[in-house]
Amino acid sequence: CSWSPDGFWIATGSHDHTVKVWRVTTYSLVATFTSHTCLVMCCSWSPDGSHLATASHDETVKVWDMKTCSLVSILTSHTNWVKYIKVRNKSTKKTSQGDVLQL
């Protein structure tokens, strides 16, 4: 799971292939993302909280726009499970190398 930078949200990945986003102050589920096809290993927020990256055993990293709760990018160049991600700085380029995702 991963806390948003402002501390109001938490994202959780699951064996059921979903990512759920919860509002911490009300304990309420606010979004469920169902695009992965295998268990979700980890999640990482962009520094400003506007995007959430999710990584899965399906060998993809998916990037979600948190304002619209929509999928905005799928990174598919991995050849094995993606076990850990960390979103760094926001830029116009999307890459995924090793353990670090740069937006």
Protein backbone atom coordinates (compact mmCIF):
# COMPACT_ATOMS: atom_id res chain seq x y z
CA CYS A 1 0.00 0.00 0.00
CA SER A 2 1.02 3.60 -0.43
CA TRP A 3 0.00 6.81 1.33
CA SER A 4 -0.67 9.89 -0.80
CA PRO A 5 1.73 12.80 -0.24
CA ASP A 6 -0.96 14.80 1.58
CA GLY A 7 -1.83 11.86 3.84
CA PHE A 8 -5.56 11.87 3.00
CA TRP A 9 -5.57 8.79 0.72
CA ILE A 10 -4.14 5.31 0.78
CA ALA A 11 -3.84 3.01 -2.24
CA THR A 12 -3.82 -0.75 -1.79
CA GLY A 13 -2.97 -3.47 -4.30
CA SER A 14 -4.45 -6.94 -4.06
CA HIS A 15 -4.32 -10.57 -5.14
CA ASP A 16 -7.67 -10.04 -6.85
CA HIS A 17 -5.86 -7.86 -9.46
CA THR A 18 -7.42 -4.62 -8.21
CA VAL A 19 -6.12 -1.38 -6.79
CA LYS A 20 -8.33 0.38 -4.29
CA VAL A 21 -8.04 3.98 -3.16
CA TRP A 22 -9.40 4.85 0.27
CA ARG A 23 -10.11 8.20 1.94
CA VAL A 24 -8.43 7.85 5.29
CA THR A 25 -10.50 10.40 7.23
CA THR A 26 -13.82 8.66 6.44
CA TYR A 27 -12.57 5.08 5.92
CA SER A 28 -14.41 5.10 2.59
CA LEU A 29 -13.53 3.44 -0.70
CA VAL A 30 -13.36 6.11 -3.41
CA ALA A 31 -12.01 4.20 -6.42
CA THR A 32 -11.33 0.67 -7.62
CA PHE A 33 -9.04 0.13 -10.61
CA THR A 34 -9.45 -3.21 -12.39
CA SER A 35 -7.07 -3.05 -15.35
CA HIS A 36 -4.32 -5.42 -14.11
CA THR A 37 -4.56 -9.11 -15.01
CA CYS A 38 -2.47 -10.50 -12.13
CA LEU A 39 -1.86 -9.58 -8.51
CA VAL A 40 -0.82 -6.00 -7.84
CA MET A 41 2.52 -5.79 -6.06
CA CYS A 42 2.84 -2.10 -5.25
CA CYS A 43 1.62 1.44 -5.76
CA SER A 44 3.42 4.78 -5.80
CA TRP A 45 2.02 8.32 -5.86
CA SER A 46 3.46 11.19 -7.85
CA PRO A 47 4.99 13.85 -5.59
CA ASP A 48 1.98 16.16 -6.11
CA GLY A 49 -0.57 13.34 -5.67
CA SER A 50 -2.08 13.86 -9.11
CA HIS A 51 -1.11 10.39 -10.40
CA LEU A 52 -0.84 6.90 -9.01
CA ALA A 53 1.43 4.25 -10.55
CA THR A 54 0.64 0.57 -9.98
CA ALA A 55 2.83 -2.45 -10.67
CA SER A 56 1.76 -6.04 -11.15
CA HIS A 57 2.81 -9.62 -11.82
CA ASP A 58 1.29 -9.03 -15.28
CA GLU A 59 4.61 -7.31 -16.14
CA THR A 60 3.04 -3.86 -16.50
CA VAL A 61 3.13 -0.53 -14.76
CA LYS A 62 -0.07 1.47 -15.07
CA VAL A 63 -0.45 5.16 -14.42
CA TRP A 64 -3.76 6.59 -13.21
CA ASP A 65 -4.94 10.19 -13.22
CA MET A 66 -6.37 10.67 -9.73
CA LYS A 67 -8.53 13.65 -10.65
CA THR A 68 -10.51 11.62 -13.19
CA CYS A 69 -9.70 8.13 -11.82
CA SER A 70 -8.79 7.10 -15.36
CA LEU A 71 -5.96 5.04 -16.80
CA VAL A 72 -3.58 7.36 -18.68
CA SER A 73 -0.58 5.16 -19.47
CA ILE A 74 0.51 1.52 -19.60
CA LEU A 75 4.21 0.66 -19.56
CA THR A 76 4.70 -2.82 -21.02
CA SER A 77 8.44 -3.18 -21.68
CA HIS A 78 9.11 -5.33 -18.61
CA THR A 79 10.04 -8.97 -19.09
CA ASN A 80 9.20 -10.16 -15.60
CA TRP A 81 7.05 -9.26 -12.60
CA VAL A 82 7.26 -5.68 -11.46
CA LYS A 83 7.70 -5.92 -7.71
CA TYR A 84 8.52 -2.36 -6.69
CA ILE A 85 8.07 1.11 -8.11
CA LYS A 86 8.79 4.63 -6.94
CA VAL A 87 7.56 7.68 -8.78
CA ARG A 88 10.10 10.48 -8.87
CA ASN A 89 9.63 13.85 -10.49
CA LYS A 90 6.93 14.89 -12.90
CA SER A 91 7.99 15.69 -16.45
CA THR A 92 6.64 15.21 -19.93
CA LYS A 93 8.47 11.92 -20.40
CA LYS A 94 7.19 8.57 -19.13
CA THR A 95 9.82 5.88 -18.64
CA SER A 96 10.19 2.84 -16.49
CA GLN A 97 13.69 1.59 -15.78
CA GLY A 98 14.64 -0.78 -13.03
CA ASP A 99 12.69 0.20 -9.95
CA VAL A 100 12.00 3.86 -10.73
CA LEU A 101 9.14 5.34 -12.72
CA GLN A 102 9.57 8.89 -13.90
CA LEU A 103 6.48 10.77 -15.06
